């Protein structure tokens, strides 16, 4: 099952507010990705790149550029629910 993304918003401290098609909202912390994948360092070191996040066509993920993206299920399963 895919938890498609409806909207994404960059927030302070390298957090994303992600709204899903099912009505749920989650906060996703991007900074820990740097420890897993070196390519994500760009989001912390390149001024303005983090804020350029957008929803991919169809809502199956988000991306910043051709090299940096995250799937909708990664965001859903590893995000923290907003209450």
PDB file of N, CA and C in Angstrom:
ATOM      1  N   UNK A   1       0.839  -1.184   0.000  1.00  0.00           N
ATOM      2  CA  UNK A   1       0.000   0.000   0.000  1.00  0.00           C
ATOM      3  C   UNK A   1       0.883   1.245   0.000  1.00  0.00           C
ATOM      4  N   UNK A   2       0.508   2.213  -0.789  1.00  0.00           N
ATOM      5  CA  UNK A   2       1.233   3.473  -0.836  1.00  0.00           C
ATOM      6  C   UNK A   2       0.465   4.539  -0.058  1.00  0.00           C
ATOM      7  N   UNK A   3       1.193   5.315   0.740  1.00  0.00           N
ATOM      8  CA  UNK A   3       0.627   6.439   1.476  1.00  0.00           C
ATOM      9  C   UNK A   3       1.032   7.702   0.727  1.00  0.00           C
ATOM     10  N   UNK A   4       0.275   8.063  -0.277  1.00  0.00           N
ATOM     11  CA  UNK A   4       0.643   9.157  -1.169  1.00  0.00           C
ATOM     12  C   UNK A   4       0.676  10.506  -0.445  1.00  0.00           C
ATOM     13  N   UNK A   5       1.634  11.312  -0.866  1.00  0.00           N
ATOM     14  CA  UNK A   5       1.840  12.646  -0.302  1.00  0.00           C
ATOM     15  C   UNK A   5       0.963  13.648  -1.051  1.00  0.00           C
ATOM     16  N   UNK A   6       0.274  14.477  -0.295  1.00  0.00           N
ATOM     17  CA  UNK A   6      -0.525  15.548  -0.878  1.00  0.00           C
ATOM     18  C   UNK A   6       0.261  16.854  -0.880  1.00  0.00           C
ATOM     19  N   UNK A   7       1.006  17.109   0.210  1.00  0.00           N
ATOM     20  CA  UNK A   7       1.696  18.389   0.370  1.00  0.00           C
ATOM     21  C   UNK A   7       2.910  18.187   1.275  1.00  0.00           C
ATOM     22  N   UNK A   8       3.979  18.940   1.017  1.00  0.00           N
ATOM     23  CA  UNK A   8       5.150  18.920   1.893  1.00  0.00           C
ATOM     24  C   UNK A   8       5.612  20.345   2.131  1.00  0.00           C
ATOM     25  N   UNK A   9       6.039  20.595   3.350  1.00  0.00           N
ATOM     26  CA  UNK A   9       6.494  21.937   3.726  1.00  0.00           C
ATOM     27  C   UNK A   9       7.780  21.810   4.533  1.00  0.00           C
ATOM     28  N   UNK A  10       8.816  22.548   4.115  1.00  0.00           N
ATOM     29  CA  UNK A  10      10.069  22.594   4.868  1.00  0.00           C
ATOM     30  C   UNK A  10       9.860  23.438   6.120  1.00  0.00           C
ATOM     31  N   UNK A  11      10.401  22.941   7.234  1.00  0.00           N
ATOM     32  CA  UNK A  11      10.291  23.647   8.510  1.00  0.00           C
ATOM     33  C   UNK A  11      11.680  23.840   9.100  1.00  0.00           C
ATOM     34  N   UNK A  12      11.805  24.640  10.142  1.00  0.00           N
ATOM     35  CA  UNK A  12      13.121  24.818  10.780  1.00  0.00           C
ATOM     36  C   UNK A  12      13.694  23.493  11.282  1.00  0.00           C
ATOM     37  N   UNK A  13      14.995  23.486  11.515  1.00  0.00           N
ATOM     38  CA  UNK A  13      15.716  22.327  12.058  1.00  0.00           C
ATOM     39  C   UNK A  13      15.645  21.105  11.148  1.00  0.00           C
ATOM     40  N   UNK A  14      15.548  21.345   9.858  1.00  0.00           N
ATOM     41  CA  UNK A  14      15.520  20.269   8.854  1.00  0.00           C
ATOM     42  C   UNK A  14      14.419  19.254   9.108  1.00  0.00           C
ATOM     43  N   UNK A  15      13.249  19.782   9.401  1.00  0.00           N
ATOM     44  CA  UNK A  15      12.045  18.955   9.538  1.00  0.00           C
ATOM     45  C   UNK A  15      11.127  19.236   8.352  1.00  0.00           C
ATOM     46  N   UNK A  16      10.349  18.226   8.003  1.00  0.00           N
ATOM     47  CA  UNK A  16       9.334  18.364   6.961  1.00  0.00           C
ATOM     48  C   UNK A  16       7.974  18.118   7.574  1.00  0.00           C
ATOM     49  N   UNK A  17       7.003  18.941   7.226  1.00  0.00           N
ATOM     50  CA  UNK A  17       5.612  18.683   7.562  1.00  0.00           C
ATOM     51  C   UNK A  17       5.003  18.058   6.311  1.00  0.00           C
ATOM     52  N   UNK A  18       4.595  16.803   6.433  1.00  0.00           N
ATOM     53  CA  UNK A  18       4.097  16.055   5.288  1.00  0.00           C
ATOM     54  C   UNK A  18       2.618  15.759   5.485  1.00  0.00           C
ATOM     55  N   UNK A  19       1.803  16.166   4.519  1.00  0.00           N
ATOM     56  CA  UNK A  19       0.368  15.877   4.523  1.00  0.00           C
ATOM     57  C   UNK A  19       0.122  14.767   3.507  1.00  0.00           C
ATOM     58  N   UNK A  20      -0.612  13.746   3.942  1.00  0.00           N
ATOM     59  CA  UNK A  20      -0.886  12.599   3.086  1.00  0.00           C
ATOM     60  C   UNK A  20      -2.320  12.647   2.564  1.00  0.00           C
ATOM     61  N   UNK A  21      -2.542  11.932   1.483  1.00  0.00           N
ATOM     62  CA  UNK A  21      -3.867  11.893   0.848  1.00  0.00           C
ATOM     63  C   UNK A  21      -4.946  11.352   1.790  1.00  0.00           C
ATOM     64  N   UNK A  22      -4.558  10.530   2.763  1.00  0.00           N
ATOM     65  CA  UNK A  22      -5.536   9.962   3.696  1.00  0.00           C
ATOM     66  C   UNK A  22      -5.899  10.931   4.822  1.00  0.00           C
ATOM     67  N   UNK A  23      -5.350  12.155   4.788  1.00  0.00           N
ATOM     68  CA  UNK A  23      -5.678  13.171   5.778  1.00  0.00           C
ATOM     69  C   UNK A  23      -4.703  13.256   6.940  1.00  0.00           C
ATOM     70  N   UNK A  24      -3.799  12.304   7.066  1.00  0.00           N
ATOM     71  CA  UNK A  24      -2.824  12.336   8.157  1.00  0.00           C
ATOM     72  C   UNK A  24      -1.715  13.335   7.855  1.00  0.00           C
ATOM     73  N   UNK A  25      -1.127  13.868   8.924  1.00  0.00           N
ATOM     74  CA  UNK A  25       0.038  14.743   8.821  1.00  0.00           C
ATOM     75  C   UNK A  25       1.124  14.186   9.717  1.00  0.00           C
ATOM     76  N   UNK A  26       2.368  14.254   9.226  1.00  0.00           N
ATOM     77  CA  UNK A  26       3.500  13.755  10.001  1.00  0.00           C
ATOM     78  C   UNK A  26       4.673  14.707   9.859  1.00  0.00           C
ATOM     79  N   UNK A  27       5.503  14.718  10.908  1.00  0.00           N
ATOM     80  CA  UNK A  27       6.766  15.445  10.893  1.00  0.00           C
ATOM     81  C   UNK A  27       7.852  14.425  10.594  1.00  0.00           C
ATOM     82  N   UNK A  28       8.683  14.734   9.600  1.00  0.00           N
ATOM     83  CA  UNK A  28       9.779  13.852   9.228  1.00  0.00           C
ATOM     84  C   UNK A  28      11.087  14.602   9.453  1.00  0.00           C
ATOM     85  N   UNK A  29      11.996  14.000  10.217  1.00  0.00           N
ATOM     86  CA  UNK A  29      13.286  14.599  10.537  1.00  0.00           C
ATOM     87  C   UNK A  29      14.315  14.153   9.497  1.00  0.00           C
ATOM     88  N   UNK A  30      14.855  15.091   8.743  1.00  0.00           N
ATOM     89  CA  UNK A  30      15.769  14.786   7.648  1.00  0.00           C
ATOM     90  C   UNK A  30      17.216  14.638   8.127  1.00  0.00           C
ATOM     91  N   UNK A  31      17.619  15.364   9.139  1.00  0.00           N
ATOM     92  CA  UNK A  31      19.024  15.363   9.575  1.00  0.00           C
ATOM     93  C   UNK A  31      19.593  13.951   9.813  1.00  0.00           C
ATOM     94  N   UNK A  32      18.869  13.013  10.398  1.00  0.00           N
ATOM     95  CA  UNK A  32      19.440  11.671  10.603  1.00  0.00           C
ATOM     96  C   UNK A  32      19.811  10.941   9.301  1.00  0.00           C
ATOM     97  N   UNK A  33      19.241  11.349   8.177  1.00  0.00           N
ATOM     98  CA  UNK A  33      19.573  10.700   6.904  1.00  0.00           C
ATOM     99  C   UNK A  33      21.038  10.906   6.533  1.00  0.00           C
ATOM    100  N   UNK A  34      21.622  11.998   6.990  1.00  0.00           N
ATOM    101  CA  UNK A  34      23.021  12.299   6.683  1.00  0.00           C
ATOM    102  C   UNK A  34      23.932  11.200   7.234  1.00  0.00           C
ATOM    103  N   UNK A  35      23.572  10.637   8.370  1.00  0.00           N
ATOM    104  CA  UNK A  35      24.372   9.564   8.963  1.00  0.00           C
ATOM    105  C   UNK A  35      24.283   8.274   8.153  1.00  0.00           C
ATOM    106  N   UNK A  36      23.180   8.076   7.451  1.00  0.00           N
ATOM    107  CA  UNK A  36      22.984   6.863   6.653  1.00  0.00           C
ATOM    108  C   UNK A  36      23.504   7.027   5.233  1.00  0.00           C
ATOM    109  N   UNK A  37      23.221   8.170   4.605  1.00  0.00           N
ATOM    110  CA  UNK A  37      23.566   8.405   3.203  1.00  0.00           C
ATOM    111  C   UNK A  37      24.271   9.746   3.060  1.00  0.00           C
ATOM    112  N   UNK A  38      25.510   9.696   2.639  1.00  0.00           N
ATOM    113  CA  UNK A  38      26.337  10.905   2.514  1.00  0.00           C
ATOM    114  C   UNK A  38      25.738  11.944   1.564  1.00  0.00           C
ATOM    115  N   UNK A  39      25.020  11.507   0.534  1.00  0.00           N
ATOM    116  CA  UNK A  39      24.457  12.456  -0.439  1.00  0.00           C
ATOM    117  C   UNK A  39      23.494  13.452   0.207  1.00  0.00           C
ATOM    118  N   UNK A  40      22.869  13.078   1.318  1.00  0.00           N
ATOM    119  CA  UNK A  40      21.917  13.974   1.975  1.00  0.00           C
ATOM    120  C   UNK A  40      22.596  15.132   2.707  1.00  0.00           C
ATOM    121  N   UNK A  41      23.936  15.109   2.811  1.00  0.00           N
ATOM    122  CA  UNK A  41      24.663  16.230   3.413  1.00  0.00           C
ATOM    123  C   UNK A  41      24.377  17.533   2.674  1.00  0.00           C
ATOM    124  N   UNK A  42      24.083  17.429   1.384  1.00  0.00           N
ATOM    125  CA  UNK A  42      23.765  18.622   0.581  1.00  0.00           C
ATOM    126  C   UNK A  42      22.628  19.435   1.202  1.00  0.00           C
ATOM    127  N   UNK A  43      21.669  18.745   1.792  1.00  0.00           N
ATOM    128  CA  UNK A  43      20.511  19.439   2.370  1.00  0.00           C
ATOM    129  C   UNK A  43      20.895  20.290   3.572  1.00  0.00           C
ATOM    130  N   UNK A  44      21.975  19.901   4.252  1.00  0.00           N
ATOM    131  CA  UNK A  44      22.419  20.653   5.418  1.00  0.00           C
ATOM    132  C   UNK A  44      23.439  21.717   5.049  1.00  0.00           C
ATOM    133  N   UNK A  45      24.178  21.496   3.960  1.00  0.00           N
ATOM    134  CA  UNK A  45      25.294  22.387   3.642  1.00  0.00           C
ATOM    135  C   UNK A  45      25.020  23.370   2.495  1.00  0.00           C
ATOM    136  N   UNK A  46      24.044  23.110   1.643  1.00  0.00           N
ATOM    137  CA  UNK A  46      23.759  23.988   0.507  1.00  0.00           C
ATOM    138  C   UNK A  46      22.616  24.934   0.873  1.00  0.00           C
ATOM    139  N   UNK A  47      22.934  26.190   0.971  1.00  0.00           N
ATOM    140  CA  UNK A  47      21.948  27.195   1.377  1.00  0.00           C
ATOM    141  C   UNK A  47      20.739  27.200   0.444  1.00  0.00           C
ATOM    142  N   UNK A  48      19.550  27.100   1.022  1.00  0.00           N
ATOM    143  CA  UNK A  48      18.306  27.190   0.272  1.00  0.00           C
ATOM    144  C   UNK A  48      17.827  25.899  -0.363  1.00  0.00           C
ATOM    145  N   UNK A  49      18.662  24.869  -0.421  1.00  0.00           N
ATOM    146  CA  UNK A  49      18.253  23.622  -1.066  1.00  0.00           C
ATOM    147  C   UNK A  49      17.134  22.921  -0.300  1.00  0.00           C
ATOM    148  N   UNK A  50      17.243  22.854   1.009  1.00  0.00           N
ATOM    149  CA  UNK A  50      16.234  22.145   1.811  1.00  0.00           C
ATOM    150  C   UNK A  50      14.835  22.713   1.569  1.00  0.00           C
ATOM    151  N   UNK A  51      14.732  24.018   1.435  1.00  0.00           N
ATOM    152  CA  UNK A  51      13.445  24.679   1.252  1.00  0.00           C
ATOM    153  C   UNK A  51      12.846  24.445  -0.142  1.00  0.00           C
ATOM    154  N   UNK A  52      13.599  23.885  -1.049  1.00  0.00           N
ATOM    155  CA  UNK A  52      13.124  23.634  -2.421  1.00  0.00           C
ATOM    156  C   UNK A  52      12.401  22.301  -2.568  1.00  0.00           C
ATOM    157  N   UNK A  53      12.071  21.659  -1.478  1.00  0.00           N
ATOM    158  CA  UNK A  53      11.407  20.354  -1.524  1.00  0.00           C
ATOM    159  C   UNK A  53      10.056  20.463  -2.227  1.00  0.00           C
ATOM    160  N   UNK A  54       9.722  19.420  -3.004  1.00  0.00           N
ATOM    161  CA  UNK A  54       8.436  19.403  -3.705  1.00  0.00           C
ATOM    162  C   UNK A  54       7.905  17.977  -3.758  1.00  0.00           C
ATOM    163  N   UNK A  55       6.595  17.862  -3.943  1.00  0.00           N
ATOM    164  CA  UNK A  55       5.943  16.559  -4.076  1.00  0.00           C
ATOM    165  C   UNK A  55       6.140  16.069  -5.503  1.00  0.00           C
ATOM    166  N   UNK A  56       6.543  14.819  -5.648  1.00  0.00           N
ATOM    167  CA  UNK A  56       6.708  14.225  -6.974  1.00  0.00           C
ATOM    168  C   UNK A  56       5.351  13.956  -7.604  1.00  0.00           C
ATOM    169  N   UNK A  57       5.336  13.868  -8.922  1.00  0.00           N
ATOM    170  CA  UNK A  57       4.094  13.611  -9.647  1.00  0.00           C
ATOM    171  C   UNK A  57       3.438  12.323  -9.132  1.00  0.00           C
ATOM    172  N   UNK A  58       2.171  12.396  -8.859  1.00  0.00           N
ATOM    173  CA  UNK A  58       1.420  11.248  -8.374  1.00  0.00           C
ATOM    174  C   UNK A  58       1.447  11.074  -6.874  1.00  0.00           C
ATOM    175  N   UNK A  59       2.322  11.834  -6.180  1.00  0.00           N
ATOM    176  CA  UNK A  59       2.375  11.764  -4.721  1.00  0.00           C
ATOM    177  C   UNK A  59       3.137  10.582  -4.165  1.00  0.00           C
ATOM    178  N   UNK A  60       3.925   9.911  -5.007  1.00  0.00           N
ATOM    179  CA  UNK A  60       4.643   8.718  -4.544  1.00  0.00           C
ATOM    180  C   UNK A  60       5.932   9.042  -3.807  1.00  0.00           C
ATOM    181  N   UNK A  61       6.241  10.295  -3.650  1.00  0.00           N
ATOM    182  CA  UNK A  61       7.435  10.702  -2.929  1.00  0.00           C
ATOM    183  C   UNK A  61       7.633  12.199  -3.013  1.00  0.00           C
ATOM    184  N   UNK A  62       8.801  12.622  -2.498  1.00  0.00           N
ATOM    185  CA  UNK A  62       9.195  14.025  -2.554  1.00  0.00           C
ATOM    186  C   UNK A  62      10.615  14.088  -3.092  1.00  0.00           C
ATOM    187  N   UNK A  63      11.001  15.269  -3.583  1.00  0.00           N
ATOM    188  CA  UNK A  63      12.374  15.412  -4.062  1.00  0.00           C
ATOM    189  C   UNK A  63      12.838  16.852  -3.924  1.00  0.00           C
ATOM    190  N   UNK A  64      14.156  16.991  -3.917  1.00  0.00           N
ATOM    191  CA  UNK A  64      14.799  18.296  -3.900  1.00  0.00           C
ATOM    192  C   UNK A  64      15.458  18.580  -5.242  1.00  0.00           C
ATOM    193  N   UNK A  65      16.034  17.538  -5.819  1.00  0.00           N
ATOM    194  CA  UNK A  65      16.673  17.640  -7.132  1.00  0.00           C
ATOM    195  C   UNK A  65      16.726  16.230  -7.730  1.00  0.00           C
ATOM    196  N   UNK A  66      17.486  16.051  -8.787  1.00  0.00           N
ATOM    197  CA  UNK A  66      17.542  14.739  -9.437  1.00  0.00           C
ATOM    198  C   UNK A  66      18.243  13.676  -8.593  1.00  0.00           C
ATOM    199  N   UNK A  67      19.009  14.091  -7.595  1.00  0.00           N
ATOM    200  CA  UNK A  67      19.782  13.153  -6.779  1.00  0.00           C
ATOM    201  C   UNK A  67      19.164  12.851  -5.417  1.00  0.00           C
ATOM    202  N   UNK A  68      18.324  13.728  -4.924  1.00  0.00           N
ATOM    203  CA  UNK A  68      17.803  13.591  -3.563  1.00  0.00           C
ATOM    204  C   UNK A  68      16.290  13.450  -3.565  1.00  0.00           C
ATOM    205  N   UNK A  69      15.819  12.314  -3.079  1.00  0.00           N
ATOM    206  CA  UNK A  69      14.378  12.086  -2.978  1.00  0.00           C
ATOM    207  C   UNK A  69      14.076  11.089  -1.878  1.00  0.00           C
ATOM    208  N   UNK A  70      12.832  11.045  -1.477  1.00  0.00           N
ATOM    209  CA  UNK A  70      12.350  10.099  -0.466  1.00  0.00           C
ATOM    210  C   UNK A  70      11.001   9.567  -0.915  1.00  0.00           C
ATOM    211  N   UNK A  71      10.758   8.302  -0.629  1.00  0.00           N
ATOM    212  CA  UNK A  71       9.486   7.694  -1.017  1.00  0.00           C
ATOM    213  C   UNK A  71       8.384   8.069  -0.036  1.00  0.00           C
ATOM    214  N   UNK A  72       7.156   7.979  -0.512  1.00  0.00           N
ATOM    215  CA  UNK A  72       6.001   8.292   0.331  1.00  0.00           C
ATOM    216  C   UNK A  72       5.937   7.351   1.539  1.00  0.00           C
ATOM    217  N   UNK A  73       6.275   6.079   1.348  1.00  0.00           N
ATOM    218  CA  UNK A  73       6.205   5.132   2.458  1.00  0.00           C
ATOM    219  C   UNK A  73       7.297   5.375   3.496  1.00  0.00           C
ATOM    220  N   UNK A  74       8.475   5.809   3.072  1.00  0.00           N
ATOM    221  CA  UNK A  74       9.532   6.188   4.017  1.00  0.00           C
ATOM    222  C   UNK A  74       9.035   7.328   4.901  1.00  0.00           C
ATOM    223  N   UNK A  75       8.435   8.325   4.292  1.00  0.00           N
ATOM    224  CA  UNK A  75       7.926   9.480   5.038  1.00  0.00           C
ATOM    225  C   UNK A  75       6.816   9.069   6.000  1.00  0.00           C
ATOM    226  N   UNK A  76       5.930   8.199   5.534  1.00  0.00           N
ATOM    227  CA  UNK A  76       4.801   7.789   6.355  1.00  0.00           C
ATOM    228  C   UNK A  76       5.235   6.915   7.538  1.00  0.00           C
ATOM    229  N   UNK A  77       6.033   5.909   7.267  1.00  0.00           N
ATOM    230  CA  UNK A  77       6.405   4.947   8.320  1.00  0.00           C
ATOM    231  C   UNK A  77       7.421   5.487   9.310  1.00  0.00           C
ATOM    232  N   UNK A  78       8.230   6.467   8.899  1.00  0.00           N
ATOM    233  CA  UNK A  78       9.267   6.987   9.783  1.00  0.00           C
ATOM    234  C   UNK A  78       8.993   8.413  10.237  1.00  0.00           C
ATOM    235  N   UNK A  79       7.846   8.934   9.867  1.00  0.00           N
ATOM    236  CA  UNK A  79       7.433  10.250  10.343  1.00  0.00           C
ATOM    237  C   UNK A  79       6.726  10.137  11.686  1.00  0.00           C
ATOM    238  N   UNK A  80       6.638  11.243  12.380  1.00  0.00           N
ATOM    239  CA  UNK A  80       5.966  11.310  13.680  1.00  0.00           C
ATOM    240  C   UNK A  80       4.620  11.986  13.486  1.00  0.00           C
ATOM    241  N   UNK A  81       3.562  11.321  13.913  1.00  0.00           N
ATOM    242  CA  UNK A  81       2.202  11.839  13.731  1.00  0.00           C
ATOM    243  C   UNK A  81       2.006  13.166  14.430  1.00  0.00           C
ATOM    244  N   UNK A  82       1.305  14.075  13.749  1.00  0.00           N
ATOM    245  CA  UNK A  82       0.951  15.370  14.317  1.00  0.00           C
ATOM    246  C   UNK A  82      -0.409  15.199  14.973  1.00  0.00           C
ATOM    247  N   UNK A  83      -0.493  15.564  16.239  1.00  0.00           N
ATOM    248  CA  UNK A  83      -1.780  15.432  16.959  1.00  0.00           C
ATOM    249  C   UNK A  83      -2.341  16.769  17.300  1.00  0.00           C
TER     250      UNK A  83
END
